[in-house]
Amino acid sequence: MSVSTAIAPGTDIRDLFQAAYNNRYTWEPGFGGYSGRCIWIQDDRHVEGSFTVGADLKAEVNGVSDEEVHKAFASQLWEVCIHRVRRSFEQTHSANTFTAGDNTAEGLEVIVGGKGEGDKYRIKNDVVTMVHRHIHGTVVTIHTESTTDTGSGYLSRSYTSQYADPTSGETKGGVNHFTDTFAPLVEGGPWVLSEREIRTEAFGDTPESLQTFRFVDLKAA
């Protein structure tokens, strides 16, 4: 069954959502980690350091004395690692149900029931195009606009994220616009992040900002 086929709201679409989940790019079991230099750029500020990602998928940043930038590097690398971990669909979603909602240009709405009740997704052509999840007392909504095809699954290339209060729906901070560039460490992979650009829209008294993270001289462990 393809998403382009008319699917009645309320239909069980667990298989369709599982196909999109399994189409995400993740690192192979036995991934050994990697290392390189990290560069952060914002306006006229430029900070460099080095990093390692271990086989345990924990990142370590060295040579960065600016605590805020050190934390930012560590946060970006943690985000990369957490999304590359391979967990089976049953491990992640066995306590959830998935039913069809409406269908828009962005894709078919997936309404989650069970443990993850209140969460929603959209899927199109075996890609998760929208995520709306409750995480640690806040709601994050992510819209994926383009992807990178690794040949072994897709990676989100350009996407937005927005945080909001789960009760009032009031937004928290400006919309973040991400552009990610990935490269294989060796021919055929594993694929790792080589650059991430984050543009954050102005919000309240906070002006628009643009920051760029570059990960270069990448070497497999």
Foldseek 3Di string as FASTA:
>chain_A
DAQVPDDDFFAFPPVLLLLLVQQAAADDQVQAWKKFKKWKDWDPDIDIWIWIQGSVRQIDTDDGPPPVVRVVVRVVSSVQSVSRDDDHCCVPDVQKTWTWDDADPQATKTQIDGPQHPWIFGDHPSHTQWTWGQDPQKTKIKGADDWDRLVRHIHGAWMKMWIAGPPPRHTDFFIKIKGWDWDAQDVSHDIDTAKIKIWGPDDDPRHIIIMMMGTDPMHRD
